[in-house]
Amino acid sequence: MRYEMASVTHIGNVRKTNQDSVLTCSGFINGKEAVLAIVADGMGGLSKGELASSLIVEELQRWWKNFSEYEGYTVAVSHGDIKVTIKDISDAVDNIIYDVHDKLIEIGNQDGTKLGTTLSLIILVNNKGLIKHIGDSRVYEIRGGKIRQLTKDQTYENMMIEKGQMTESEIDPRKNKALVNALGVSKKLYIETLGGVINANTLYLLASDGFYQGKENLPELFDWSSVTDLNIALDYMRNLILEDSAEDNLSGILVRAL
């Protein structure tokens, strides 16, 4: 299976800095083409959001280069060489995320401040997919022109809904939703992990909240059946958002399995 990717990031119309970080990388794992895509949204309400988002992206990029640059990469064990599994990849990514989380907390303690970031990433190799999700950036799947959100926003409101203490109708759409999970913010960190089989001609959209909220219901209302060129699609969506208020940084990545 082969893949193509495109990305876009923009400061928006209001913010003075872009605290989003995005990354797309390709390589080989077990001799098969593989890709990594990341959206990390530095938390604008905290200082140094751009440092937090860039640090996790840089560490994952370094790991990916070392991990995937050799075609046919294997793990040596006493009874012979075995292929790298999705679990091997998942465990390695988790270790990096937890290490960066600890570094961000240490930096915050030294500076007497807090810095944090969301993280949504997808790794595709052969016909397998792996998603890691922290916060409220999102991963969507688009098949047959229909879109569905794979990740769940880790917000106070969703937590209350899961506990049965709030209903969706009680959420005020005019208010910003408070995150309950992010890198660097509190000692406890939860990494949502999703995985499954990848089907050909499937699109994946990774989006910061400034992208999917920049124009109301844009991912859901977009005509995905007409998408041929990924860059043109992302540029068009970005322009629609910028024509609106675009109060936040906005970042999106499209990945297509061929």
C-alpha atoms as a PDB file:
ATOM      1  CA  MET A   1       0.000   0.000   0.000  1.00  0.00           C
ATOM      2  CA  ARG A   2       1.191   3.505  -0.869  1.00  0.00           C
ATOM      3  CA  TYR A   3       0.311   6.848   0.712  1.00  0.00           C
ATOM      4  CA  GLU A   4       0.190  10.527  -0.164  1.00  0.00           C
ATOM      5  CA  MET A   5       0.060  13.445   2.278  1.00  0.00           C
ATOM      6  CA  ALA A   6      -0.443  17.206   2.384  1.00  0.00           C
ATOM      7  CA  SER A   7      -0.447  19.693   5.249  1.00  0.00           C
ATOM      8  CA  VAL A   8      -1.351  23.289   6.007  1.00  0.00           C
ATOM      9  CA  THR A   9      -0.850  25.541   9.019  1.00  0.00           C
ATOM     10  CA  HIS A  10      -1.690  29.220   9.467  1.00  0.00           C
ATOM     11  CA  ILE A  11      -1.517  31.779  12.245  1.00  0.00           C
ATOM     12  CA  GLY A  12      -5.129  32.835  11.662  1.00  0.00           C
ATOM     13  CA  ASN A  13      -6.518  36.360  11.780  1.00  0.00           C
ATOM     14  CA  VAL A  14      -6.095  37.193  15.469  1.00  0.00           C
ATOM     15  CA  ARG A  15      -3.189  35.418  17.201  1.00  0.00           C
ATOM     16  CA  LYS A  16       0.281  36.970  17.254  1.00  0.00           C
ATOM     17  CA  THR A  17       2.092  33.617  17.043  1.00  0.00           C
ATOM     18  CA  ASN A  18       1.350  30.214  15.558  1.00  0.00           C
ATOM     19  CA  GLN A  19       1.554  27.707  18.397  1.00  0.00           C
ATOM     20  CA  ASP A  20       0.558  24.758  16.206  1.00  0.00           C
ATOM     21  CA  SER A  21       3.195  22.302  14.993  1.00  0.00           C
ATOM     22  CA  VAL A  22       2.611  19.834  12.149  1.00  0.00           C
ATOM     23  CA  LEU A  23       4.729  17.063  10.685  1.00  0.00           C
ATOM     24  CA  THR A  24       4.478  14.593   7.811  1.00  0.00           C
ATOM     25  CA  CYS A  25       7.165  11.929   7.328  1.00  0.00           C
ATOM     26  CA  SER A  26       7.529   8.877   5.104  1.00  0.00           C
ATOM     27  CA  GLY A  27       9.828   5.888   5.380  1.00  0.00           C
ATOM     28  CA  PHE A  28       9.897   2.091   5.459  1.00  0.00           C
ATOM     29  CA  ILE A  29       9.050  -0.386   8.204  1.00  0.00           C
ATOM     30  CA  ASN A  30       9.535  -4.103   7.585  1.00  0.00           C
ATOM     31  CA  GLY A  31      10.267  -3.223   3.970  1.00  0.00           C
ATOM     32  CA  LYS A  32       6.850  -1.625   3.522  1.00  0.00           C
ATOM     33  CA  GLU A  33       6.120   2.045   2.863  1.00  0.00           C
ATOM     34  CA  ALA A  34       5.036   3.824   6.040  1.00  0.00           C
ATOM     35  CA  VAL A  35       3.966   7.353   6.983  1.00  0.00           C
ATOM     36  CA  LEU A  36       3.706   9.445  10.124  1.00  0.00           C
ATOM     37  CA  ALA A  37       1.465  12.535  10.432  1.00  0.00           C
ATOM     38  CA  ILE A  38       1.207  14.769  13.516  1.00  0.00           C
ATOM     39  CA  VAL A  39      -0.808  17.784  14.601  1.00  0.00           C
ATOM     40  CA  ALA A  40       0.139  19.340  17.946  1.00  0.00           C
ATOM     41  CA  ASP A  41      -1.703  22.438  19.176  1.00  0.00           C
ATOM     42  CA  GLY A  42       0.230  24.443  21.765  1.00  0.00           C
ATOM     43  CA  MET A  43      -2.159  25.697  24.408  1.00  0.00           C
ATOM     44  CA  GLY A  44      -2.631  29.410  23.833  1.00  0.00           C
ATOM     45  CA  GLY A  45      -3.887  30.051  27.341  1.00  0.00           C
ATOM     46  CA  LEU A  46      -0.527  28.974  28.712  1.00  0.00           C
ATOM     47  CA  SER A  47       2.881  30.483  28.053  1.00  0.00           C
ATOM     48  CA  LYS A  48       5.271  28.863  25.574  1.00  0.00           C
ATOM     49  CA  GLY A  49       2.615  26.825  23.801  1.00  0.00           C
ATOM     50  CA  GLU A  50       4.754  26.825  20.675  1.00  0.00           C
ATOM     51  CA  LEU A  51       7.671  25.333  22.635  1.00  0.00           C
ATOM     52  CA  ALA A  52       5.488  22.522  23.927  1.00  0.00           C
ATOM     53  CA  SER A  53       4.082  21.603  20.513  1.00  0.00           C
ATOM     54  CA  SER A  54       7.428  21.848  18.722  1.00  0.00           C
ATOM     55  CA  LEU A  55       9.220  19.726  21.334  1.00  0.00           C
ATOM     56  CA  ILE A  56       6.929  16.719  20.968  1.00  0.00           C
ATOM     57  CA  VAL A  57       7.009  16.985  17.171  1.00  0.00           C
ATOM     58  CA  GLU A  58      10.809  17.244  17.079  1.00  0.00           C
ATOM     59  CA  GLU A  59      11.269  14.232  19.356  1.00  0.00           C
ATOM     60  CA  LEU A  60       8.874  12.105  17.315  1.00  0.00           C
ATOM     61  CA  GLN A  61      10.549  13.206  14.100  1.00  0.00           C
ATOM     62  CA  ARG A  62      13.945  12.175  15.474  1.00  0.00           C
ATOM     63  CA  TRP A  63      12.584   8.784  16.518  1.00  0.00           C
ATOM     64  CA  TRP A  64      10.924   8.251  13.136  1.00  0.00           C
ATOM     65  CA  LYS A  65      14.123   8.984  11.222  1.00  0.00           C
ATOM     66  CA  ASN A  66      16.111   6.513  13.308  1.00  0.00           C
ATOM     67  CA  PHE A  67      13.344   3.920  13.351  1.00  0.00           C
ATOM     68  CA  SER A  68      12.120   3.898   9.766  1.00  0.00           C
ATOM     69  CA  GLU A  69      15.041   4.924   7.560  1.00  0.00           C
ATOM     70  CA  TYR A  70      16.278   1.362   7.017  1.00  0.00           C
ATOM     71  CA  GLU A  71      14.089  -0.715   4.755  1.00  0.00           C
ATOM     72  CA  GLY A  72      13.498  -4.135   6.234  1.00  0.00           C
ATOM     73  CA  TYR A  73      14.243  -2.971   9.795  1.00  0.00           C
ATOM     74  CA  THR A  74      14.092  -5.932  12.197  1.00  0.00           C
ATOM     75  CA  VAL A  75      14.403  -6.516  15.918  1.00  0.00           C
ATOM     76  CA  ALA A  76      17.079  -9.000  16.900  1.00  0.00           C
ATOM     77  CA  VAL A  77      16.053 -11.590  19.514  1.00  0.00           C
ATOM     78  CA  SER A  78      17.743 -14.729  20.789  1.00  0.00           C
ATOM     79  CA  HIS A  79      15.736 -17.102  18.562  1.00  0.00           C
ATOM     80  CA  GLY A  80      16.196 -15.056  15.400  1.00  0.00           C
ATOM     81  CA  ASP A  81      15.006 -11.859  13.771  1.00  0.00           C
ATOM     82  CA  ILE A  82      11.333 -10.924  13.986  1.00  0.00           C
ATOM     83  CA  LYS A  83       9.492  -8.157  12.205  1.00  0.00           C
ATOM     84  CA  VAL A  84       8.580  -4.986  14.065  1.00  0.00           C
ATOM     85  CA  THR A  85       4.960  -5.168  15.214  1.00  0.00           C
ATOM     86  CA  ILE A  86       2.390  -2.428  15.643  1.00  0.00           C
ATOM     87  CA  LYS A  87       2.731  -2.990  19.398  1.00  0.00           C
ATOM     88  CA  ASP A  88       6.487  -2.320  19.160  1.00  0.00           C
ATOM     89  CA  ILE A  89       5.734   0.962  17.402  1.00  0.00           C
ATOM     90  CA  SER A  90       2.970   1.857  19.839  1.00  0.00           C
ATOM     91  CA  ASP A  91       5.168   1.230  22.875  1.00  0.00           C
ATOM     92  CA  ALA A  92       8.027   3.273  21.397  1.00  0.00           C
ATOM     93  CA  VAL A  93       5.734   6.224  20.672  1.00  0.00           C
ATOM     94  CA  ASP A  94       4.242   6.054  24.176  1.00  0.00           C
ATOM     95  CA  ASN A  95       7.708   6.196  25.721  1.00  0.00           C
ATOM     96  CA  ILE A  96       8.565   9.329  23.738  1.00  0.00           C
ATOM     97  CA  ILE A  97       5.271  10.997  24.662  1.00  0.00           C
ATOM     98  CA  TYR A  98       5.751  10.311  28.370  1.00  0.00           C
ATOM     99  CA  ASP A  99       9.374  11.520  28.241  1.00  0.00           C
ATOM    100  CA  VAL A 100       8.339  14.808  26.578  1.00  0.00           C
ATOM    101  CA  HIS A 101       5.478  15.176  29.035  1.00  0.00           C
ATOM    102  CA  ASP A 102       7.949  14.937  31.930  1.00  0.00           C
ATOM    103  CA  LYS A 103      10.313  17.422  30.223  1.00  0.00           C
ATOM    104  CA  LEU A 104       7.515  19.961  29.778  1.00  0.00           C
ATOM    105  CA  ILE A 105       6.555  19.699  33.429  1.00  0.00           C
ATOM    106  CA  GLU A 106      10.229  20.124  34.401  1.00  0.00           C
ATOM    107  CA  ILE A 107      10.566  23.217  32.192  1.00  0.00           C
ATOM    108  CA  GLY A 108       7.405  24.642  33.706  1.00  0.00           C
ATOM    109  CA  ASN A 109       8.639  24.044  37.232  1.00  0.00           C
ATOM    110  CA  GLN A 110      11.973  25.710  36.478  1.00  0.00           C
ATOM    111  CA  ASP A 111      10.293  28.746  34.909  1.00  0.00           C
ATOM    112  CA  GLY A 112       7.450  28.924  37.407  1.00  0.00           C
ATOM    113  CA  THR A 113       4.856  28.529  34.664  1.00  0.00           C
ATOM    114  CA  LYS A 114       2.875  25.925  32.752  1.00  0.00           C
ATOM    115  CA  LEU A 115       3.173  24.935  29.118  1.00  0.00           C
ATOM    116  CA  GLY A 116       1.157  22.340  27.311  1.00  0.00           C
ATOM    117  CA  THR A 117       0.069  20.931  23.975  1.00  0.00           C
ATOM    118  CA  THR A 118      -2.429  18.578  22.431  1.00  0.00           C
ATOM    119  CA  LEU A 119      -1.243  15.741  20.223  1.00  0.00           C
ATOM    120  CA  SER A 120      -2.948  13.720  17.511  1.00  0.00           C
ATOM    121  CA  LEU A 121      -0.885  11.436  15.286  1.00  0.00           C
ATOM    122  CA  ILE A 122      -1.400   8.601  12.869  1.00  0.00           C
ATOM    123  CA  ILE A 123       1.054   5.985  11.627  1.00  0.00           C
ATOM    124  CA  LEU A 124       0.153   3.873   8.580  1.00  0.00           C
ATOM    125  CA  VAL A 125       2.208   0.907   7.460  1.00  0.00           C
ATOM    126  CA  ASN A 126       1.164  -1.764   4.971  1.00  0.00           C
ATOM    127  CA  ASN A 127      -2.542  -2.237   5.786  1.00  0.00           C
ATOM    128  CA  LYS A 128      -2.324  -1.293   9.477  1.00  0.00           C
ATOM    129  CA  GLY A 129      -3.027   2.013  11.211  1.00  0.00           C
ATOM    130  CA  LEU A 130      -2.109   3.381  14.642  1.00  0.00           C
ATOM    131  CA  ILE A 131      -3.524   6.542  16.243  1.00  0.00           C
ATOM    132  CA  LYS A 132      -2.317   8.323  19.387  1.00  0.00           C
ATOM    133  CA  HIS A 133      -4.519  11.075  20.756  1.00  0.00           C
ATOM    134  CA  ILE A 134      -4.226  13.560  23.627  1.00  0.00           C
ATOM    135  CA  GLY A 135      -6.471  16.631  24.002  1.00  0.00           C
ATOM    136  CA  ASP A 136      -8.872  18.075  21.442  1.00  0.00           C
ATOM    137  CA  SER A 137      -7.090  18.020  18.106  1.00  0.00           C
ATOM    138  CA  ARG A 138      -8.883  15.420  16.015  1.00  0.00           C
ATOM    139  CA  VAL A 139      -8.435  12.512  13.622  1.00  0.00           C
ATOM    140  CA  TYR A 140     -11.191  11.857  11.079  1.00  0.00           C
ATOM    141  CA  GLU A 141     -11.656   9.014   8.601  1.00  0.00           C
ATOM    142  CA  ILE A 142     -13.227   9.702   5.188  1.00  0.00           C
ATOM    143  CA  ARG A 143     -14.473   6.753   3.107  1.00  0.00           C
ATOM    144  CA  GLY A 144     -16.841   6.856   0.172  1.00  0.00           C
ATOM    145  CA  GLY A 145     -17.201  10.600   0.639  1.00  0.00           C
ATOM    146  CA  LYS A 146     -18.488  10.156   4.220  1.00  0.00           C
ATOM    147  CA  ILE A 147     -16.600  11.413   7.268  1.00  0.00           C
ATOM    148  CA  ARG A 148     -16.516  10.192  10.845  1.00  0.00           C
ATOM    149  CA  GLN A 149     -14.530  11.398  13.826  1.00  0.00           C
ATOM    150  CA  LEU A 150     -12.281   8.650  15.201  1.00  0.00           C
ATOM    151  CA  THR A 151     -10.976  10.420  18.296  1.00  0.00           C
ATOM    152  CA  LYS A 152     -12.948  11.917  21.167  1.00  0.00           C
ATOM    153  CA  ASP A 153     -12.216  15.426  22.471  1.00  0.00           C
ATOM    154  CA  GLN A 154     -10.815  15.045  25.973  1.00  0.00           C
ATOM    155  CA  THR A 155     -12.810  17.879  27.531  1.00  0.00           C
ATOM    156  CA  TYR A 156     -14.542  18.463  30.841  1.00  0.00           C
ATOM    157  CA  GLU A 157     -17.921  18.392  29.103  1.00  0.00           C
ATOM    158  CA  ASN A 158     -17.305  14.999  27.479  1.00  0.00           C
ATOM    159  CA  MET A 159     -16.010  13.648  30.774  1.00  0.00           C
ATOM    160  CA  MET A 160     -19.234  14.763  32.498  1.00  0.00           C
ATOM    161  CA  ILE A 161     -21.323  13.193  29.728  1.00  0.00           C
ATOM    162  CA  GLU A 162     -19.469   9.867  30.124  1.00  0.00           C
ATOM    163  CA  LYS A 163     -20.133   9.991  33.875  1.00  0.00           C
ATOM    164  CA  GLY A 164     -23.820  10.675  33.252  1.00  0.00           C
ATOM    165  CA  GLN A 165     -23.619  14.054  34.983  1.00  0.00           C
ATOM    166  CA  MET A 166     -24.345  16.145  31.867  1.00  0.00           C
ATOM    167  CA  THR A 167     -26.137  15.755  28.548  1.00  0.00           C
ATOM    168  CA  GLU A 168     -25.033  17.103  25.178  1.00  0.00           C
ATOM    169  CA  SER A 169     -27.991  19.492  25.169  1.00  0.00           C
ATOM    170  CA  GLU A 170     -26.624  21.148  28.320  1.00  0.00           C
ATOM    171  CA  ILE A 171     -23.320  22.126  26.675  1.00  0.00           C
ATOM    172  CA  ASP A 172     -23.098  25.814  25.807  1.00  0.00           C
ATOM    173  CA  PRO A 173     -21.612  25.963  22.256  1.00  0.00           C
ATOM    174  CA  ARG A 174     -20.578  29.596  22.832  1.00  0.00           C
ATOM    175  CA  LYS A 175     -18.110  28.667  25.554  1.00  0.00           C
ATOM    176  CA  ASN A 176     -14.652  27.212  25.055  1.00  0.00           C
ATOM    177  CA  LYS A 177     -14.489  23.623  26.241  1.00  0.00           C
ATOM    178  CA  ALA A 178     -11.943  22.977  29.002  1.00  0.00           C
ATOM    179  CA  LEU A 179      -9.329  20.288  28.345  1.00  0.00           C
ATOM    180  CA  VAL A 180      -8.863  17.612  30.989  1.00  0.00           C
ATOM    181  CA  ASN A 181      -5.819  16.005  29.333  1.00  0.00           C
ATOM    182  CA  ALA A 182      -2.766  17.522  27.648  1.00  0.00           C
ATOM    183  CA  LEU A 183       0.991  17.077  27.530  1.00  0.00           C
ATOM    184  CA  GLY A 184       2.869  19.069  30.163  1.00  0.00           C
ATOM    185  CA  VAL A 185      -0.088  20.302  32.182  1.00  0.00           C
ATOM    186  CA  SER A 186      -0.552  17.823  35.027  1.00  0.00           C
ATOM    187  CA  LYS A 187       1.443  14.814  36.208  1.00  0.00           C
ATOM    188  CA  LYS A 188      -1.193  12.290  35.133  1.00  0.00           C
ATOM    189  CA  LEU A 189      -1.363  11.793  31.364  1.00  0.00           C
ATOM    190  CA  TYR A 190      -3.732   9.547  29.407  1.00  0.00           C
ATOM    191  CA  ILE A 191      -2.838   8.447  25.867  1.00  0.00           C
ATOM    192  CA  GLU A 192      -5.777   7.261  23.781  1.00  0.00           C
ATOM    193  CA  THR A 193      -4.625   4.528  21.383  1.00  0.00           C
ATOM    194  CA  LEU A 194      -6.629   3.344  18.388  1.00  0.00           C
ATOM    195  CA  GLY A 195      -5.704   0.848  15.707  1.00  0.00           C
ATOM    196  CA  GLY A 196      -7.127  -1.165  12.865  1.00  0.00           C
ATOM    197  CA  VAL A 197      -6.964  -2.272   9.252  1.00  0.00           C
ATOM    198  CA  ILE A 198      -6.489   0.397   6.575  1.00  0.00           C
ATOM    199  CA  ASN A 199      -8.584   0.253   3.430  1.00  0.00           C
ATOM    200  CA  ALA A 200      -7.392   1.598   0.088  1.00  0.00           C
ATOM    201  CA  ASN A 201      -8.844   4.932  -1.071  1.00  0.00           C
ATOM    202  CA  THR A 202      -9.392   6.044   2.509  1.00  0.00           C
ATOM    203  CA  LEU A 203      -8.585   9.586   3.604  1.00  0.00           C
ATOM    204  CA  TYR A 204      -7.536  10.676   7.072  1.00  0.00           C
ATOM    205  CA  LEU A 205      -7.826  14.263   8.290  1.00  0.00           C
ATOM    206  CA  LEU A 206      -5.843  15.471  11.305  1.00  0.00           C
ATOM    207  CA  ALA A 207      -7.045  18.859  12.502  1.00  0.00           C
ATOM    208  CA  SER A 208      -6.359  21.329  15.293  1.00  0.00           C
ATOM    209  CA  ASP A 209      -9.419  22.871  16.936  1.00  0.00           C
ATOM    210  CA  GLY A 210      -8.747  26.102  15.046  1.00  0.00           C
ATOM    211  CA  PHE A 211      -9.189  24.132  11.831  1.00  0.00           C
ATOM    212  CA  TYR A 212     -12.346  22.167  12.583  1.00  0.00           C
ATOM    213  CA  GLN A 213     -13.949  25.026  14.550  1.00  0.00           C
ATOM    214  CA  GLY A 214     -12.691  27.824  12.303  1.00  0.00           C
ATOM    215  CA  LYS A 215     -15.766  27.509  10.121  1.00  0.00           C
ATOM    216  CA  GLU A 216     -18.727  25.746  11.688  1.00  0.00           C
ATOM    217  CA  ASN A 217     -18.938  22.028  10.815  1.00  0.00           C
ATOM    218  CA  LEU A 218     -16.460  22.470   7.948  1.00  0.00           C
ATOM    219  CA  PRO A 219     -15.094  18.875   7.964  1.00  0.00           C
ATOM    220  CA  GLU A 220     -18.605  17.417   8.131  1.00  0.00           C
ATOM    221  CA  LEU A 221     -20.059  19.689   5.415  1.00  0.00           C
ATOM    222  CA  PHE A 222     -17.121  19.547   3.000  1.00  0.00           C
ATOM    223  CA  ASP A 223     -17.663  17.662  -0.271  1.00  0.00           C
ATOM    224  CA  TRP A 224     -15.072  14.935   0.211  1.00  0.00           C
ATOM    225  CA  SER A 225     -16.236  12.981  -2.826  1.00  0.00           C
ATOM    226  CA  SER A 226     -14.718  15.656  -5.082  1.00  0.00           C
ATOM    227  CA  VAL A 227     -11.216  15.583  -3.534  1.00  0.00           C
ATOM    228  CA  THR A 228      -8.474  14.611  -5.974  1.00  0.00           C
ATOM    229  CA  ASP A 229      -5.556  16.894  -5.071  1.00  0.00           C
ATOM    230  CA  LEU A 230      -4.907  16.968  -1.312  1.00  0.00           C
ATOM    231  CA  ASN A 231      -3.061  20.302  -1.365  1.00  0.00           C
ATOM    232  CA  ILE A 232      -5.862  22.021  -3.268  1.00  0.00           C
ATOM    233  CA  ALA A 233      -8.445  20.654  -0.823  1.00  0.00           C
ATOM    234  CA  LEU A 234      -6.521  21.884   2.226  1.00  0.00           C
ATOM    235  CA  ASP A 235      -5.846  25.295   0.677  1.00  0.00           C
ATOM    236  CA  TYR A 236      -9.536  25.683  -0.116  1.00  0.00           C
ATOM    237  CA  MET A 237     -10.550  24.776   3.441  1.00  0.00           C
ATOM    238  CA  ARG A 238      -7.926  27.124   4.895  1.00  0.00           C
ATOM    239  CA  ASN A 239      -9.251  30.002   2.777  1.00  0.00           C
ATOM    240  CA  LEU A 240     -12.811  29.317   3.922  1.00  0.00           C
ATOM    241  CA  ILE A 241     -11.667  29.510   7.537  1.00  0.00           C
ATOM    242  CA  LEU A 242      -9.668  32.717   6.958  1.00  0.00           C
ATOM    243  CA  GLU A 243     -12.701  34.346   5.351  1.00  0.00           C
ATOM    244  CA  ASP A 244     -14.431  33.828   8.704  1.00  0.00           C
ATOM    245  CA  SER A 245     -13.086  35.171  12.025  1.00  0.00           C
ATOM    246  CA  ALA A 246     -10.191  32.617  12.269  1.00  0.00           C
ATOM    247  CA  GLU A 247      -9.555  33.578  15.890  1.00  0.00           C
ATOM    248  CA  ASP A 248      -7.221  30.635  16.467  1.00  0.00           C
ATOM    249  CA  ASN A 249      -4.231  29.089  14.704  1.00  0.00           C
ATOM    250  CA  LEU A 250      -5.381  26.465  12.232  1.00  0.00           C
ATOM    251  CA  SER A 251      -3.625  23.309  11.075  1.00  0.00           C
ATOM    252  CA  GLY A 252      -4.685  20.309   9.039  1.00  0.00           C
ATOM    253  CA  ILE A 253      -3.131  17.236   7.447  1.00  0.00           C
ATOM    254  CA  LEU A 254      -4.635  14.925   4.855  1.00  0.00           C
ATOM    255  CA  VAL A 255      -3.314  11.400   4.376  1.00  0.00           C
ATOM    256  CA  ARG A 256      -4.617   9.097   1.657  1.00  0.00           C
ATOM    257  CA  ALA A 257      -4.067   5.367   1.430  1.00  0.00           C
ATOM    258  CA  LEU A 258      -3.701   4.330  -2.230  1.00  0.00           C
END
